[in-house]
C-alpha atoms as a PDB file:
ATOM      1  CA  UNK A   1     113.540 104.626 118.727  1.00  0.00           C
ATOM      2  CA  UNK A   2     114.363 101.273 117.224  1.00  0.00           C
ATOM      3  CA  UNK A   3     118.050 100.487 117.834  1.00  0.00           C
ATOM      4  CA  UNK A   4     118.423  98.229 114.790  1.00  0.00           C
ATOM      5  CA  UNK A   5     117.538 101.091 112.314  1.00  0.00           C
ATOM      6  CA  UNK A   6     120.544 102.119 110.299  1.00  0.00           C
ATOM      7  CA  UNK A   7     121.763 105.668 110.458  1.00  0.00           C
ATOM      8  CA  UNK A   8     120.960 107.604 107.266  1.00  0.00           C
ATOM      9  CA  UNK A   9     123.780 110.070 107.661  1.00  0.00           C
ATOM     10  CA  UNK A  10     127.244 110.530 109.132  1.00  0.00           C
ATOM     11  CA  UNK A  11     127.956 113.806 110.996  1.00  0.00           C
ATOM     12  CA  UNK A  12     130.535 115.802 108.999  1.00  0.00           C
ATOM     13  CA  UNK A  13     129.828 119.383 110.178  1.00  0.00           C
ATOM     14  CA  UNK A  14     127.362 118.943 112.972  1.00  0.00           C
ATOM     15  CA  UNK A  15     125.390 116.314 114.748  1.00  0.00           C
ATOM     16  CA  UNK A  16     121.676 115.962 114.083  1.00  0.00           C
ATOM     17  CA  UNK A  17     119.685 116.393 117.253  1.00  0.00           C
ATOM     18  CA  UNK A  18     116.816 114.574 118.910  1.00  0.00           C
ATOM     19  CA  UNK A  19     115.207 115.028 122.287  1.00  0.00           C
ATOM     20  CA  UNK A  20     116.283 112.666 124.997  1.00  0.00           C
ATOM     21  CA  UNK A  21     112.796 111.020 124.900  1.00  0.00           C
ATOM     22  CA  UNK A  22     113.141 110.409 121.168  1.00  0.00           C
ATOM     23  CA  UNK A  23     116.272 108.289 121.841  1.00  0.00           C
ATOM     24  CA  UNK A  24     114.957 106.532 124.957  1.00  0.00           C
ATOM     25  CA  UNK A  25     116.794 108.587 127.540  1.00  0.00           C
ATOM     26  CA  UNK A  26     114.931 109.659 130.676  1.00  0.00           C
ATOM     27  CA  UNK A  27     115.104 113.453 130.969  1.00  0.00           C
ATOM     28  CA  UNK A  28     114.625 113.242 134.765  1.00  0.00           C
ATOM     29  CA  UNK A  29     117.876 111.251 134.950  1.00  0.00           C
ATOM     30  CA  UNK A  30     119.620 113.891 132.823  1.00  0.00           C
ATOM     31  CA  UNK A  31     118.355 116.582 135.202  1.00  0.00           C
ATOM     32  CA  UNK A  32     119.769 114.612 138.256  1.00  0.00           C
ATOM     33  CA  UNK A  33     123.051 114.154 136.444  1.00  0.00           C
ATOM     34  CA  UNK A  34     123.194 117.890 135.573  1.00  0.00           C
ATOM     35  CA  UNK A  35     122.598 118.807 139.199  1.00  0.00           C
ATOM     36  CA  UNK A  36     125.276 116.421 140.426  1.00  0.00           C
ATOM     37  CA  UNK A  37     127.839 117.780 137.953  1.00  0.00           C
ATOM     38  CA  UNK A  38     127.100 121.344 139.034  1.00  0.00           C
ATOM     39  CA  UNK A  39     127.695 120.474 142.665  1.00  0.00           C
ATOM     40  CA  UNK A  40     130.434 117.827 142.493  1.00  0.00           C
ATOM     41  CA  UNK A  41     132.454 118.083 139.229  1.00  0.00           C
ATOM     42  CA  UNK A  42     134.058 121.492 139.061  1.00  0.00           C
ATOM     43  CA  UNK A  43     136.568 120.685 136.456  1.00  0.00           C
ATOM     44  CA  UNK A  44     134.103 119.540 133.716  1.00  0.00           C
ATOM     45  CA  UNK A  45     133.850 121.889 130.777  1.00  0.00           C
ATOM     46  CA  UNK A  46     131.111 120.199 128.750  1.00  0.00           C
ATOM     47  CA  UNK A  47     129.148 117.043 128.361  1.00  0.00           C
ATOM     48  CA  UNK A  48     127.605 115.730 125.183  1.00  0.00           C
ATOM     49  CA  UNK A  49     125.549 112.534 124.957  1.00  0.00           C
ATOM     50  CA  UNK A  50     125.059 110.939 121.533  1.00  0.00           C
ATOM     51  CA  UNK A  51     122.735 108.029 121.202  1.00  0.00           C
ATOM     52  CA  UNK A  52     121.765 106.167 118.060  1.00  0.00           C
ATOM     53  CA  UNK A  53     123.738 108.736 116.124  1.00  0.00           C
ATOM     54  CA  UNK A  54     121.890 111.798 117.424  1.00  0.00           C
ATOM     55  CA  UNK A  55     122.936 114.448 119.886  1.00  0.00           C
ATOM     56  CA  UNK A  56     120.527 114.118 122.777  1.00  0.00           C
ATOM     57  CA  UNK A  57     122.159 116.213 125.448  1.00  0.00           C
ATOM     58  CA  UNK A  58     124.594 119.080 125.257  1.00  0.00           C
ATOM     59  CA  UNK A  59     125.537 121.119 128.309  1.00  0.00           C
ATOM     60  CA  UNK A  60     128.530 123.319 129.037  1.00  0.00           C
ATOM     61  CA  UNK A  61     129.934 124.327 132.447  1.00  0.00           C
ATOM     62  CA  UNK A  62     132.413 126.791 133.875  1.00  0.00           C
ATOM     63  CA  UNK A  63     131.656 129.483 131.279  1.00  0.00           C
ATOM     64  CA  UNK A  64     132.474 127.151 128.355  1.00  0.00           C
ATOM     65  CA  UNK A  65     130.301 126.978 125.285  1.00  0.00           C
ATOM     66  CA  UNK A  66     130.070 125.145 121.935  1.00  0.00           C
ATOM     67  CA  UNK A  67     132.671 127.320 120.312  1.00  0.00           C
ATOM     68  CA  UNK A  68     135.191 127.144 123.212  1.00  0.00           C
ATOM     69  CA  UNK A  69     138.657 125.761 122.635  1.00  0.00           C
ATOM     70  CA  UNK A  70     139.385 122.641 124.698  1.00  0.00           C
ATOM     71  CA  UNK A  71     142.593 120.684 124.836  1.00  0.00           C
ATOM     72  CA  UNK A  72     141.847 117.038 124.620  1.00  0.00           C
ATOM     73  CA  UNK A  73     145.317 115.765 125.223  1.00  0.00           C
ATOM     74  CA  UNK A  74     144.531 114.630 128.731  1.00  0.00           C
ATOM     75  CA  UNK A  75     141.362 112.923 127.687  1.00  0.00           C
ATOM     76  CA  UNK A  76     143.171 111.175 124.871  1.00  0.00           C
ATOM     77  CA  UNK A  77     145.876 110.009 127.268  1.00  0.00           C
ATOM     78  CA  UNK A  78     143.243 108.603 129.625  1.00  0.00           C
ATOM     79  CA  UNK A  79     141.471 106.707 126.800  1.00  0.00           C
ATOM     80  CA  UNK A  80     144.765 105.229 125.632  1.00  0.00           C
ATOM     81  CA  UNK A  81     145.649 104.135 129.186  1.00  0.00           C
ATOM     82  CA  UNK A  82     142.205 102.683 129.683  1.00  0.00           C
ATOM     83  CA  UNK A  83     142.493 100.688 126.473  1.00  0.00           C
ATOM     84  CA  UNK A  84     145.958  99.487 127.441  1.00  0.00           C
ATOM     85  CA  UNK A  85     144.693  98.419 130.893  1.00  0.00           C
ATOM     86  CA  UNK A  86     141.841  96.440 129.348  1.00  0.00           C
ATOM     87  CA  UNK A  87     144.251  94.676 127.164  1.00  0.00           C
ATOM     88  CA  UNK A  88     146.393  93.851 130.162  1.00  0.00           C
ATOM     89  CA  UNK A  89     143.390  92.312 131.918  1.00  0.00           C
ATOM     90  CA  UNK A  90     142.549  90.135 128.904  1.00  0.00           C
ATOM     91  CA  UNK A  91     146.110  88.831 128.686  1.00  0.00           C
ATOM     92  CA  UNK A  92     146.126  87.883 132.376  1.00  0.00           C
ATOM     93  CA  UNK A  93     142.805  85.958 132.280  1.00  0.00           C
END
């Protein structure tokens, strides 16, 4: 898929989907990642990969599913702290 192509939609209700191959993702690498997560990341509830505006990978773990409720407060906190940390690094260099 050409990366310079502009997206023709914005997801409002749901993401449009493409296969990993259609968005230049190696399915063998996704399979390795999935196996690793199953063995080593017991707290993960779900993983979605969006590339070029299309959902290319969607997998849930620990009995979770697309309709499951997930609190994102911890994830939001980590993103905020990461952004703050990057700002600190820029100021010091």
